[in-house]
């Protein structure tokens, strides 16, 4: 699963691994150093104490001639071991049969 995997990579401080989970479309505008900068800036707020995500909504995107979505939008909840609860929205591109992250947003809405 692309969304849990990117959270696990970011929680482990693995900027290169996280970068590899982004789609080709996203990588055009993104460098591994951008991921590292986000880790340096936002690790404690969004990735430290990560426990798991729960997808609550799936929205299919544009469909190609094979009736498969070329992208999907996922929304859900992020749970942290310290009791915080957040939310995420991710757009995933279908590339060679794999869902890869095109964009992802994370926010925290509940503190313990």
PDB file of N, CA and C in Angstrom:
ATOM      1  N   UNK A   1       0.840  -1.189   0.000  1.00  0.00           N
ATOM      2  CA  UNK A   1       0.000   0.000   0.000  1.00  0.00           C
ATOM      3  C   UNK A   1       0.884   1.251   0.000  1.00  0.00           C
ATOM      4  N   UNK A   2       0.661   2.116  -0.942  1.00  0.00           N
ATOM      5  CA  UNK A   2       1.526   3.287  -1.114  1.00  0.00           C
ATOM      6  C   UNK A   2       1.466   4.248   0.067  1.00  0.00           C
ATOM      7  N   UNK A   3       0.284   4.484   0.619  1.00  0.00           N
ATOM      8  CA  UNK A   3       0.177   5.479   1.697  1.00  0.00           C
ATOM      9  C   UNK A   3       0.847   4.989   2.978  1.00  0.00           C
ATOM     10  N   UNK A   4       0.530   3.775   3.480  1.00  0.00           N
ATOM     11  CA  UNK A   4       1.252   3.331   4.677  1.00  0.00           C
ATOM     12  C   UNK A   4       2.764   3.238   4.437  1.00  0.00           C
ATOM     13  N   UNK A   5       3.151   2.801   3.245  1.00  0.00           N
ATOM     14  CA  UNK A   5       4.578   2.640   2.969  1.00  0.00           C
ATOM     15  C   UNK A   5       5.321   3.971   3.005  1.00  0.00           C
ATOM     16  N   UNK A   6       4.713   5.033   2.501  1.00  0.00           N
ATOM     17  CA  UNK A   6       5.425   6.321   2.536  1.00  0.00           C
ATOM     18  C   UNK A   6       5.513   6.839   3.969  1.00  0.00           C
ATOM     19  N   UNK A   7       4.480   6.614   4.768  1.00  0.00           N
ATOM     20  CA  UNK A   7       4.561   7.020   6.175  1.00  0.00           C
ATOM     21  C   UNK A   7       5.651   6.237   6.894  1.00  0.00           C
ATOM     22  N   UNK A   8       5.760   4.934   6.618  1.00  0.00           N
ATOM     23  CA  UNK A   8       6.803   4.123   7.242  1.00  0.00           C
ATOM     24  C   UNK A   8       8.185   4.610   6.834  1.00  0.00           C
ATOM     25  N   UNK A   9       8.364   4.917   5.555  1.00  0.00           N
ATOM     26  CA  UNK A   9       9.661   5.422   5.084  1.00  0.00           C
ATOM     27  C   UNK A   9      10.000   6.751   5.745  1.00  0.00           C
ATOM     28  N   UNK A  10       9.031   7.642   5.796  1.00  0.00           N
ATOM     29  CA  UNK A  10       9.286   8.957   6.397  1.00  0.00           C
ATOM     30  C   UNK A  10       9.548   8.812   7.896  1.00  0.00           C
ATOM     31  N   UNK A  11       8.804   7.949   8.577  1.00  0.00           N
ATOM     32  CA  UNK A  11       9.016   7.738  10.006  1.00  0.00           C
ATOM     33  C   UNK A  11      10.412   7.162  10.274  1.00  0.00           C
ATOM     34  N   UNK A  12      10.923   6.385   9.318  1.00  0.00           N
ATOM     35  CA  UNK A  12      12.266   5.821   9.451  1.00  0.00           C
ATOM     36  C   UNK A  12      13.347   6.800   9.000  1.00  0.00           C
ATOM     37  N   UNK A  13      12.949   7.973   8.508  1.00  0.00           N
ATOM     38  CA  UNK A  13      13.907   8.957   8.030  1.00  0.00           C
ATOM     39  C   UNK A  13      14.518   8.598   6.688  1.00  0.00           C
ATOM     40  N   UNK A  14      13.843   7.755   5.914  1.00  0.00           N
ATOM     41  CA  UNK A  14      14.353   7.259   4.637  1.00  0.00           C
ATOM     42  C   UNK A  14      13.842   8.133   3.482  1.00  0.00           C
ATOM     43  N   UNK A  15      14.514   9.257   3.259  1.00  0.00           N
ATOM     44  CA  UNK A  15      14.090  10.194   2.219  1.00  0.00           C
ATOM     45  C   UNK A  15      14.163   9.555   0.836  1.00  0.00           C
ATOM     46  N   UNK A  16      15.202   8.806   0.547  1.00  0.00           N
ATOM     47  CA  UNK A  16      15.346   8.194  -0.780  1.00  0.00           C
ATOM     48  C   UNK A  16      14.257   7.151  -1.014  1.00  0.00           C
ATOM     49  N   UNK A  17      13.980   6.341   0.010  1.00  0.00           N
ATOM     50  CA  UNK A  17      12.916   5.354  -0.109  1.00  0.00           C
ATOM     51  C   UNK A  17      11.560   5.995  -0.325  1.00  0.00           C
ATOM     52  N   UNK A  18      11.313   7.090   0.379  1.00  0.00           N
ATOM     53  CA  UNK A  18      10.054   7.814   0.202  1.00  0.00           C
ATOM     54  C   UNK A  18       9.975   8.402  -1.207  1.00  0.00           C
ATOM     55  N   UNK A  19      11.072   8.978  -1.676  1.00  0.00           N
ATOM     56  CA  UNK A  19      11.101   9.559  -3.031  1.00  0.00           C
ATOM     57  C   UNK A  19      10.753   8.503  -4.078  1.00  0.00           C
ATOM     58  N   UNK A  20      11.243   7.299  -3.921  1.00  0.00           N
ATOM     59  CA  UNK A  20      10.992   6.232  -4.886  1.00  0.00           C
ATOM     60  C   UNK A  20       9.525   5.821  -4.940  1.00  0.00           C
ATOM     61  N   UNK A  21       8.744   6.180  -3.932  1.00  0.00           N
ATOM     62  CA  UNK A  21       7.319   5.844  -3.906  1.00  0.00           C
ATOM     63  C   UNK A  21       6.465   6.849  -4.670  1.00  0.00           C
ATOM     64  N   UNK A  22       7.077   7.955  -5.083  1.00  0.00           N
ATOM     65  CA  UNK A  22       6.339   8.964  -5.845  1.00  0.00           C
ATOM     66  C   UNK A  22       6.291   8.580  -7.319  1.00  0.00           C
ATOM     67  N   UNK A  23       5.214   8.969  -7.976  1.00  0.00           N
ATOM     68  CA  UNK A  23       5.027   8.677  -9.393  1.00  0.00           C
ATOM     69  C   UNK A  23       6.008   9.477 -10.247  1.00  0.00           C
ATOM     70  N   UNK A  24       6.161   9.046 -11.481  1.00  0.00           N
ATOM     71  CA  UNK A  24       7.022   9.775 -12.411  1.00  0.00           C
ATOM     72  C   UNK A  24       6.545  11.216 -12.559  1.00  0.00           C
ATOM     73  N   UNK A  25       5.235  11.404 -12.610  1.00  0.00           N
ATOM     74  CA  UNK A  25       4.669  12.762 -12.732  1.00  0.00           C
ATOM     75  C   UNK A  25       5.111  13.628 -11.556  1.00  0.00           C
ATOM     76  N   UNK A  26       5.100  13.069 -10.355  1.00  0.00           N
ATOM     77  CA  UNK A  26       5.507  13.828  -9.172  1.00  0.00           C
ATOM     78  C   UNK A  26       7.011  14.072  -9.166  1.00  0.00           C
ATOM     79  N   UNK A  27       7.777  13.093  -9.616  1.00  0.00           N
ATOM     80  CA  UNK A  27       9.232  13.210  -9.580  1.00  0.00           C
ATOM     81  C   UNK A  27       9.772  14.268 -10.531  1.00  0.00           C
ATOM     82  N   UNK A  28       8.964  14.667 -11.519  1.00  0.00           N
ATOM     83  CA  UNK A  28       9.385  15.748 -12.420  1.00  0.00           C
ATOM     84  C   UNK A  28       9.616  17.034 -11.632  1.00  0.00           C
ATOM     85  N   UNK A  29       8.804  17.255 -10.605  1.00  0.00           N
ATOM     86  CA  UNK A  29       8.883  18.500  -9.828  1.00  0.00           C
ATOM     87  C   UNK A  29       9.482  18.288  -8.443  1.00  0.00           C
ATOM     88  N   UNK A  30      10.005  17.105  -8.172  1.00  0.00           N
ATOM     89  CA  UNK A  30      10.439  16.747  -6.822  1.00  0.00           C
ATOM     90  C   UNK A  30      11.812  16.105  -6.890  1.00  0.00           C
ATOM     91  N   UNK A  31      12.668  16.466  -5.968  1.00  0.00           N
ATOM     92  CA  UNK A  31      14.005  15.874  -5.861  1.00  0.00           C
ATOM     93  C   UNK A  31      14.116  15.160  -4.519  1.00  0.00           C
ATOM     94  N   UNK A  32      15.001  14.171  -4.404  1.00  0.00           N
ATOM     95  CA  UNK A  32      15.195  13.539  -3.092  1.00  0.00           C
ATOM     96  C   UNK A  32      15.544  14.555  -2.003  1.00  0.00           C
ATOM     97  N   UNK A  33      16.245  15.607  -2.381  1.00  0.00           N
ATOM     98  CA  UNK A  33      16.593  16.638  -1.385  1.00  0.00           C
ATOM     99  C   UNK A  33      15.350  17.363  -0.868  1.00  0.00           C
ATOM    100  N   UNK A  34      14.291  17.439  -1.687  1.00  0.00           N
ATOM    101  CA  UNK A  34      13.030  18.039  -1.228  1.00  0.00           C
ATOM    102  C   UNK A  34      12.409  17.188  -0.121  1.00  0.00           C
ATOM    103  N   UNK A  35      12.492  15.874  -0.287  1.00  0.00           N
ATOM    104  CA  UNK A  35      11.958  14.964   0.731  1.00  0.00           C
ATOM    105  C   UNK A  35      12.780  15.094   2.015  1.00  0.00           C
ATOM    106  N   UNK A  36      14.094  15.161   1.872  1.00  0.00           N
ATOM    107  CA  UNK A  36      14.947  15.317   3.047  1.00  0.00           C
ATOM    108  C   UNK A  36      14.650  16.631   3.760  1.00  0.00           C
ATOM    109  N   UNK A  37      14.429  17.697   2.995  1.00  0.00           N
ATOM    110  CA  UNK A  37      14.103  18.994   3.601  1.00  0.00           C
ATOM    111  C   UNK A  37      12.785  18.911   4.361  1.00  0.00           C
ATOM    112  N   UNK A  38      11.816  18.185   3.815  1.00  0.00           N
ATOM    113  CA  UNK A  38      10.549  18.039   4.528  1.00  0.00           C
ATOM    114  C   UNK A  38      10.749  17.239   5.803  1.00  0.00           C
ATOM    115  N   UNK A  39      11.557  16.197   5.743  1.00  0.00           N
ATOM    116  CA  UNK A  39      11.850  15.442   6.960  1.00  0.00           C
ATOM    117  C   UNK A  39      12.516  16.330   8.005  1.00  0.00           C
ATOM    118  N   UNK A  40      13.480  17.127   7.588  1.00  0.00           N
ATOM    119  CA  UNK A  40      14.183  18.013   8.518  1.00  0.00           C
ATOM    120  C   UNK A  40      13.218  19.013   9.156  1.00  0.00           C
ATOM    121  N   UNK A  41      12.262  19.487   8.369  1.00  0.00           N
ATOM    122  CA  UNK A  41      11.338  20.519   8.829  1.00  0.00           C
ATOM    123  C   UNK A  41      10.155  19.943   9.606  1.00  0.00           C
ATOM    124  N   UNK A  42       9.601  18.811   9.149  1.00  0.00           N
ATOM    125  CA  UNK A  42       8.302  18.343   9.644  1.00  0.00           C
ATOM    126  C   UNK A  42       8.311  16.983  10.329  1.00  0.00           C
ATOM    127  N   UNK A  43       9.478  16.406  10.552  1.00  0.00           N
ATOM    128  CA  UNK A  43       9.513  15.040  11.091  1.00  0.00           C
ATOM    129  C   UNK A  43       8.720  14.915  12.384  1.00  0.00           C
ATOM    130  N   UNK A  44       9.005  15.773  13.359  1.00  0.00           N
ATOM    131  CA  UNK A  44       8.332  15.664  14.661  1.00  0.00           C
ATOM    132  C   UNK A  44       6.830  15.859  14.551  1.00  0.00           C
ATOM    133  N   UNK A  45       6.402  16.761  13.695  1.00  0.00           N
ATOM    134  CA  UNK A  45       4.976  17.073  13.589  1.00  0.00           C
ATOM    135  C   UNK A  45       4.175  15.970  12.903  1.00  0.00           C
ATOM    136  N   UNK A  46       4.724  15.367  11.841  1.00  0.00           N
ATOM    137  CA  UNK A  46       3.903  14.479  11.012  1.00  0.00           C
ATOM    138  C   UNK A  46       4.361  13.021  10.944  1.00  0.00           C
ATOM    139  N   UNK A  47       5.601  12.731  11.324  1.00  0.00           N
ATOM    140  CA  UNK A  47       6.094  11.375  11.103  1.00  0.00           C
ATOM    141  C   UNK A  47       6.599  10.676  12.362  1.00  0.00           C
ATOM    142  N   UNK A  48       7.061  11.432  13.351  1.00  0.00           N
ATOM    143  CA  UNK A  48       7.490  10.812  14.610  1.00  0.00           C
ATOM    144  C   UNK A  48       6.276  10.168  15.266  1.00  0.00           C
ATOM    145  N   UNK A  49       6.466   9.044  15.854  1.00  0.00           N
ATOM    146  CA  UNK A  49       5.407   8.331  16.578  1.00  0.00           C
ATOM    147  C   UNK A  49       4.301   7.793  15.654  1.00  0.00           C
ATOM    148  N   UNK A  50       4.563   7.736  14.345  1.00  0.00           N
ATOM    149  CA  UNK A  50       3.571   7.187  13.409  1.00  0.00           C
ATOM    150  C   UNK A  50       3.224   5.762  13.805  1.00  0.00           C
ATOM    151  N   UNK A  51       1.932   5.438  13.784  1.00  0.00           N
ATOM    152  CA  UNK A  51       1.490   4.080  14.085  1.00  0.00           C
ATOM    153  C   UNK A  51       0.864   3.424  12.855  1.00  0.00           C
ATOM    154  N   UNK A  52      -0.236   3.989  12.363  1.00  0.00           N
ATOM    155  CA  UNK A  52      -0.864   3.421  11.173  1.00  0.00           C
ATOM    156  C   UNK A  52      -1.847   4.413  10.554  1.00  0.00           C
ATOM    157  N   UNK A  53      -2.247   4.103   9.324  1.00  0.00           N
ATOM    158  CA  UNK A  53      -3.269   4.899   8.646  1.00  0.00           C
ATOM    159  C   UNK A  53      -4.486   4.021   8.392  1.00  0.00           C
ATOM    160  N   UNK A  54      -5.610   4.687   8.269  1.00  0.00           N
ATOM    161  CA  UNK A  54      -6.861   4.014   7.939  1.00  0.00           C
ATOM    162  C   UNK A  54      -7.516   4.800   6.819  1.00  0.00           C
ATOM    163  N   UNK A  55      -7.686   4.178   5.677  1.00  0.00           N
ATOM    164  CA  UNK A  55      -8.337   4.844   4.553  1.00  0.00           C
ATOM    165  C   UNK A  55      -9.841   4.837   4.784  1.00  0.00           C
ATOM    166  N   UNK A  56     -10.455   6.007   4.690  1.00  0.00           N
ATOM    167  CA  UNK A  56     -11.893   6.121   4.929  1.00  0.00           C
ATOM    168  C   UNK A  56     -12.677   6.443   3.656  1.00  0.00           C
ATOM    169  N   UNK A  57     -11.980   6.888   2.614  1.00  0.00           N
ATOM    170  CA  UNK A  57     -12.675   7.263   1.382  1.00  0.00           C
ATOM    171  C   UNK A  57     -11.758   7.028   0.192  1.00  0.00           C
ATOM    172  N   UNK A  58     -12.312   6.421  -0.848  1.00  0.00           N
ATOM    173  CA  UNK A  58     -11.595   6.199  -2.104  1.00  0.00           C
ATOM    174  C   UNK A  58     -12.440   6.789  -3.216  1.00  0.00           C
ATOM    175  N   UNK A  59     -11.805   7.630  -4.002  1.00  0.00           N
ATOM    176  CA  UNK A  59     -12.503   8.291  -5.110  1.00  0.00           C
ATOM    177  C   UNK A  59     -11.733   8.006  -6.393  1.00  0.00           C
ATOM    178  N   UNK A  60     -12.389   7.337  -7.336  1.00  0.00           N
ATOM    179  CA  UNK A  60     -11.743   7.032  -8.608  1.00  0.00           C
ATOM    180  C   UNK A  60     -11.565   8.287  -9.431  1.00  0.00           C
ATOM    181  N   UNK A  61     -10.481   8.325 -10.151  1.00  0.00           N
ATOM    182  CA  UNK A  61     -10.191   9.470 -11.004  1.00  0.00           C
ATOM    183  C   UNK A  61     -10.581   9.190 -12.436  1.00  0.00           C
ATOM    184  N   UNK A  62      -9.884   9.807 -13.347  1.00  0.00           N
ATOM    185  CA  UNK A  62     -10.127   9.642 -14.782  1.00  0.00           C
ATOM    186  C   UNK A  62      -9.924   8.182 -15.169  1.00  0.00           C
ATOM    187  N   UNK A  63     -10.850   7.625 -15.900  1.00  0.00           N
ATOM    188  CA  UNK A  63     -10.738   6.232 -16.320  1.00  0.00           C
ATOM    189  C   UNK A  63     -10.228   6.152 -17.744  1.00  0.00           C
ATOM    190  N   UNK A  64      -9.343   5.187 -17.981  1.00  0.00           N
ATOM    191  CA  UNK A  64      -8.821   4.998 -19.332  1.00  0.00           C
ATOM    192  C   UNK A  64      -9.699   4.016 -20.092  1.00  0.00           C
ATOM    193  N   UNK A  65      -9.286   3.656 -21.301  1.00  0.00           N
ATOM    194  CA  UNK A  65     -10.105   2.793 -22.145  1.00  0.00           C
ATOM    195  C   UNK A  65     -10.269   1.380 -21.584  1.00  0.00           C
ATOM    196  N   UNK A  66      -9.471   0.978 -20.624  1.00  0.00           N
ATOM    197  CA  UNK A  66      -9.574  -0.348 -20.017  1.00  0.00           C
ATOM    198  C   UNK A  66     -10.485  -0.356 -18.798  1.00  0.00           C
ATOM    199  N   UNK A  67     -11.136   0.760 -18.520  1.00  0.00           N
ATOM    200  CA  UNK A  67     -12.010   0.893 -17.352  1.00  0.00           C
ATOM    201  C   UNK A  67     -11.262   0.801 -16.030  1.00  0.00           C
ATOM    202  N   UNK A  68      -9.964   1.076 -16.045  1.00  0.00           N
ATOM    203  CA  UNK A  68      -9.179   1.162 -14.824  1.00  0.00           C
ATOM    204  C   UNK A  68      -8.880   2.632 -14.563  1.00  0.00           C
ATOM    205  N   UNK A  69      -8.934   3.051 -13.313  1.00  0.00           N
ATOM    206  CA  UNK A  69      -8.623   4.461 -13.042  1.00  0.00           C
ATOM    207  C   UNK A  69      -7.151   4.748 -13.284  1.00  0.00           C
ATOM    208  N   UNK A  70      -6.878   5.876 -13.891  1.00  0.00           N
ATOM    209  CA  UNK A  70      -5.497   6.300 -14.094  1.00  0.00           C
ATOM    210  C   UNK A  70      -4.951   6.904 -12.804  1.00  0.00           C
ATOM    211  N   UNK A  71      -5.836   7.362 -11.950  1.00  0.00           N
ATOM    212  CA  UNK A  71      -5.434   7.831 -10.634  1.00  0.00           C
ATOM    213  C   UNK A  71      -6.613   7.691  -9.689  1.00  0.00           C
ATOM    214  N   UNK A  72      -6.320   7.639  -8.400  1.00  0.00           N
ATOM    215  CA  UNK A  72      -7.362   7.611  -7.378  1.00  0.00           C
ATOM    216  C   UNK A  72      -6.971   8.583  -6.275  1.00  0.00           C
ATOM    217  N   UNK A  73      -7.974   9.066  -5.567  1.00  0.00           N
ATOM    218  CA  UNK A  73      -7.747   9.908  -4.404  1.00  0.00           C
ATOM    219  C   UNK A  73      -8.176   9.126  -3.174  1.00  0.00           C
ATOM    220  N   UNK A  74      -7.286   9.060  -2.207  1.00  0.00           N
ATOM    221  CA  UNK A  74      -7.578   8.399  -0.934  1.00  0.00           C
ATOM    222  C   UNK A  74      -7.603   9.444   0.164  1.00  0.00           C
ATOM    223  N   UNK A  75      -8.545   9.313   1.083  1.00  0.00           N
ATOM    224  CA  UNK A  75      -8.597  10.165   2.265  1.00  0.00           C
ATOM    225  C   UNK A  75      -8.695   9.246   3.477  1.00  0.00           C
ATOM    226  N   UNK A  76      -8.126   9.692   4.575  1.00  0.00           N
ATOM    227  CA  UNK A  76      -8.206   8.849   5.746  1.00  0.00           C
ATOM    228  C   UNK A  76      -7.616   9.481   6.979  1.00  0.00           C
ATOM    229  N   UNK A  77      -7.409   8.631   7.973  1.00  0.00           N
ATOM    230  CA  UNK A  77      -6.977   9.041   9.303  1.00  0.00           C
ATOM    231  C   UNK A  77      -5.575   8.482   9.558  1.00  0.00           C
ATOM    232  N   UNK A  78      -4.745   9.307  10.212  1.00  0.00           N
ATOM    233  CA  UNK A  78      -3.405   8.898  10.615  1.00  0.00           C
ATOM    234  C   UNK A  78      -3.396   8.787  12.132  1.00  0.00           C
ATOM    235  N   UNK A  79      -2.957   7.662  12.645  1.00  0.00           N
ATOM    236  CA  UNK A  79      -2.875   7.444  14.087  1.00  0.00           C
ATOM    237  C   UNK A  79      -1.408   7.425  14.513  1.00  0.00           C
ATOM    238  N   UNK A  80      -1.137   8.032  15.657  1.00  0.00           N
ATOM    239  CA  UNK A  80       0.208   8.112  16.202  1.00  0.00           C
ATOM    240  C   UNK A  80       0.245   7.428  17.563  1.00  0.00           C
ATOM    241  N   UNK A  81       1.390   6.852  17.909  1.00  0.00           N
ATOM    242  CA  UNK A  81       1.537   6.132  19.186  1.00  0.00           C
ATOM    243  C   UNK A  81       1.380   7.043  20.396  1.00  0.00           C
ATOM    244  N   UNK A  82       1.608   8.337  20.220  1.00  0.00           N
ATOM    245  CA  UNK A  82       1.477   9.260  21.356  1.00  0.00           C
ATOM    246  C   UNK A  82       0.059   9.794  21.529  1.00  0.00           C
ATOM    247  N   UNK A  83      -0.902   9.249  20.772  1.00  0.00           N
ATOM    248  CA  UNK A  83      -2.300   9.637  20.917  1.00  0.00           C
ATOM    249  C   UNK A  83      -2.784  10.690  19.939  1.00  0.00           C
ATOM    250  N   UNK A  84      -1.877  11.303  19.181  1.00  0.00           N
ATOM    251  CA  UNK A  84      -2.324  12.276  18.183  1.00  0.00           C
ATOM    252  C   UNK A  84      -3.094  11.563  17.083  1.00  0.00           C
ATOM    253  N   UNK A  85      -3.983  12.318  16.474  1.00  0.00           N
ATOM    254  CA  UNK A  85      -4.734  11.817  15.328  1.00  0.00           C
ATOM    255  C   UNK A  85      -4.641  12.865  14.236  1.00  0.00           C
ATOM    256  N   UNK A  86      -4.381  12.404  13.026  1.00  0.00           N
ATOM    257  CA  UNK A  86      -4.280  13.312  11.894  1.00  0.00           C
ATOM    258  C   UNK A  86      -5.144  12.841  10.747  1.00  0.00           C
ATOM    259  N   UNK A  87      -4.980  13.512   9.648  1.00  0.00           N
ATOM    260  CA  UNK A  87      -5.724  13.146   8.445  1.00  0.00           C
ATOM    261  C   UNK A  87      -4.774  13.232   7.259  1.00  0.00           C
ATOM    262  N   UNK A  88      -5.109  12.493   6.201  1.00  0.00           N
ATOM    263  CA  UNK A  88      -4.319  12.573   4.992  1.00  0.00           C
ATOM    264  C   UNK A  88      -5.240  12.582   3.782  1.00  0.00           C
ATOM    265  N   UNK A  89      -4.736  13.141   2.716  1.00  0.00           N
ATOM    266  CA  UNK A  89      -5.354  13.045   1.394  1.00  0.00           C
ATOM    267  C   UNK A  89      -4.223  12.773   0.421  1.00  0.00           C
ATOM    268  N   UNK A  90      -4.356  11.722  -0.353  1.00  0.00           N
ATOM    269  CA  UNK A  90      -3.310  11.342  -1.284  1.00  0.00           C
ATOM    270  C   UNK A  90      -3.908  11.075  -2.654  1.00  0.00           C
ATOM    271  N   UNK A  91      -3.243  11.572  -3.680  1.00  0.00           N
ATOM    272  CA  UNK A  91      -3.584  11.248  -5.059  1.00  0.00           C
ATOM    273  C   UNK A  91      -2.535  10.256  -5.533  1.00  0.00           C
ATOM    274  N   UNK A  92      -2.998   9.120  -6.036  1.00  0.00           N
ATOM    275  CA  UNK A  92      -2.096   8.075  -6.499  1.00  0.00           C
ATOM    276  C   UNK A  92      -2.282   7.863  -7.994  1.00  0.00           C
ATOM    277  N   UNK A  93      -1.162   7.802  -8.706  1.00  0.00           N
ATOM    278  CA  UNK A  93      -1.169   7.531 -10.143  1.00  0.00           C
ATOM    279  C   UNK A  93      -0.976   6.034 -10.366  1.00  0.00           C
ATOM    280  N   UNK A  94      -1.630   5.504 -11.386  1.00  0.00           N
ATOM    281  CA  UNK A  94      -1.412   4.124 -11.780  1.00  0.00           C
ATOM    282  C   UNK A  94      -0.290   4.104 -12.808  1.00  0.00           C
ATOM    283  N   UNK A  95       0.828   3.470 -12.453  1.00  0.00           N
ATOM    284  CA  UNK A  95       1.988   3.362 -13.341  1.00  0.00           C
ATOM    285  C   UNK A  95       2.391   1.904 -13.467  1.00  0.00           C
ATOM    286  N   UNK A  96       2.290   1.370 -14.657  1.00  0.00           N
ATOM    287  CA  UNK A  96       2.696  -0.014 -14.923  1.00  0.00           C
ATOM    288  C   UNK A  96       2.111  -0.978 -13.886  1.00  0.00           C
ATOM    289  N   UNK A  97       0.843  -0.765 -13.586  1.00  0.00           N
ATOM    290  CA  UNK A  97       0.133  -1.655 -12.682  1.00  0.00           C
ATOM    291  C   UNK A  97       0.321  -1.379 -11.198  1.00  0.00           C
ATOM    292  N   UNK A  98       1.126  -0.368 -10.846  1.00  0.00           N
ATOM    293  CA  UNK A  98       1.352  -0.026  -9.446  1.00  0.00           C
ATOM    294  C   UNK A  98       0.802   1.354  -9.137  1.00  0.00           C
ATOM    295  N   UNK A  99       0.253   1.516  -7.952  1.00  0.00           N
ATOM    296  CA  UNK A  99      -0.179   2.835  -7.514  1.00  0.00           C
ATOM    297  C   UNK A  99       1.005   3.542  -6.871  1.00  0.00           C
ATOM    298  N   UNK A 100       1.332   4.724  -7.398  1.00  0.00           N
ATOM    299  CA  UNK A 100       2.459   5.523  -6.905  1.00  0.00           C
ATOM    300  C   UNK A 100       1.907   6.881  -6.486  1.00  0.00           C
ATOM    301  N   UNK A 101       2.512   7.494  -5.490  1.00  0.00           N
ATOM    302  CA  UNK A 101       2.005   8.749  -4.953  1.00  0.00           C
ATOM    303  C   UNK A 101       2.319   9.912  -5.879  1.00  0.00           C
ATOM    304  N   UNK A 102       1.276  10.639  -6.255  1.00  0.00           N
ATOM    305  CA  UNK A 102       1.438  11.856  -7.058  1.00  0.00           C
ATOM    306  C   UNK A 102       1.511  13.071  -6.140  1.00  0.00           C
ATOM    307  N   UNK A 103       0.703  13.062  -5.108  1.00  0.00           N
ATOM    308  CA  UNK A 103       0.734  14.134  -4.105  1.00  0.00           C
ATOM    309  C   UNK A 103       0.098  13.615  -2.825  1.00  0.00           C
ATOM    310  N   UNK A 104       0.536  14.182  -1.714  1.00  0.00           N
ATOM    311  CA  UNK A 104      -0.008  13.778  -0.416  1.00  0.00           C
ATOM    312  C   UNK A 104       0.022  14.976   0.523  1.00  0.00           C
ATOM    313  N   UNK A 105      -1.054  15.110   1.290  1.00  0.00           N
ATOM    314  CA  UNK A 105      -1.149  16.163   2.299  1.00  0.00           C
ATOM    315  C   UNK A 105      -1.507  15.511   3.629  1.00  0.00           C
ATOM    316  N   UNK A 106      -0.896  16.034   4.689  1.00  0.00           N
ATOM    317  CA  UNK A 106      -1.114  15.491   6.032  1.00  0.00           C
ATOM    318  C   UNK A 106      -1.381  16.652   6.983  1.00  0.00           C
ATOM    319  N   UNK A 107      -2.307  16.466   7.888  1.00  0.00           N
ATOM    320  CA  UNK A 107      -2.576  17.455   8.919  1.00  0.00           C
ATOM    321  C   UNK A 107      -2.893  16.764  10.228  1.00  0.00           C
ATOM    322  N   UNK A 108      -2.624  17.434  11.312  1.00  0.00           N
ATOM    323  CA  UNK A 108      -2.931  16.906  12.652  1.00  0.00           C
ATOM    324  C   UNK A 108      -4.155  17.654  13.175  1.00  0.00           C
ATOM    325  N   UNK A 109      -5.170  16.938  13.639  1.00  0.00           N
ATOM    326  CA  UNK A 109      -6.339  17.651  14.148  1.00  0.00           C
ATOM    327  C   UNK A 109      -6.676  17.314  15.584  1.00  0.00           C
ATOM    328  N   UNK A 110      -5.942  16.396  16.193  1.00  0.00           N
ATOM    329  CA  UNK A 110      -6.237  16.054  17.586  1.00  0.00           C
ATOM    330  C   UNK A 110      -4.934  15.793  18.329  1.00  0.00           C
ATOM    331  N   UNK A 111      -4.760  16.460  19.430  1.00  0.00           N
ATOM    332  CA  UNK A 111      -3.598  16.253  20.299  1.00  0.00           C
ATOM    333  C   UNK A 111      -4.066  15.474  21.526  1.00  0.00           C
ATOM    334  N   UNK A 112      -3.194  14.651  22.131  1.00  0.00           N
ATOM    335  CA  UNK A 112      -3.615  13.895  23.317  1.00  0.00           C
ATOM    336  C   UNK A 112      -3.869  14.818  24.503  1.00  0.00           C
TER     337      UNK A 112
END
